[in-house]
């Protein structure tokens, strides 16, 4: 049984958020409030751009926010997969961007993304 559990863990580790386990948008809200709101808001640009409607939006397009040239030129559209890669390592995903924070836990990333999806509606 232990061998099967470890196999499932390794199989789901590389999946996009929400496919390895059920993402929890309410837990994502708590994570957002504690980790993201120092720089971001859902509805206003702050140190970082606003997040409402981020899922499905092209990176670098929020009016009134001064994005790095790298993000403006990236051609990234924010999806669950691209947000997961961004949160796991912003500089590895878009070299030259200016966000200095990463979320190491895949479960935390999935929950944050579930929250952003829920609040984007």
Foldseek 3Di string as FASTA:
>chain_A
DVVVVVVLCVVCVPDQFCPSHHAAQVVLVVCCVVPPVVQEDCPQHGVHGHQQQQQQAQFPPDPPDDWWPQRVPVRDRHHSRLQLVCQCPVCVSGPPTPDDHHDNDSNNSSNNVSNSVVRND
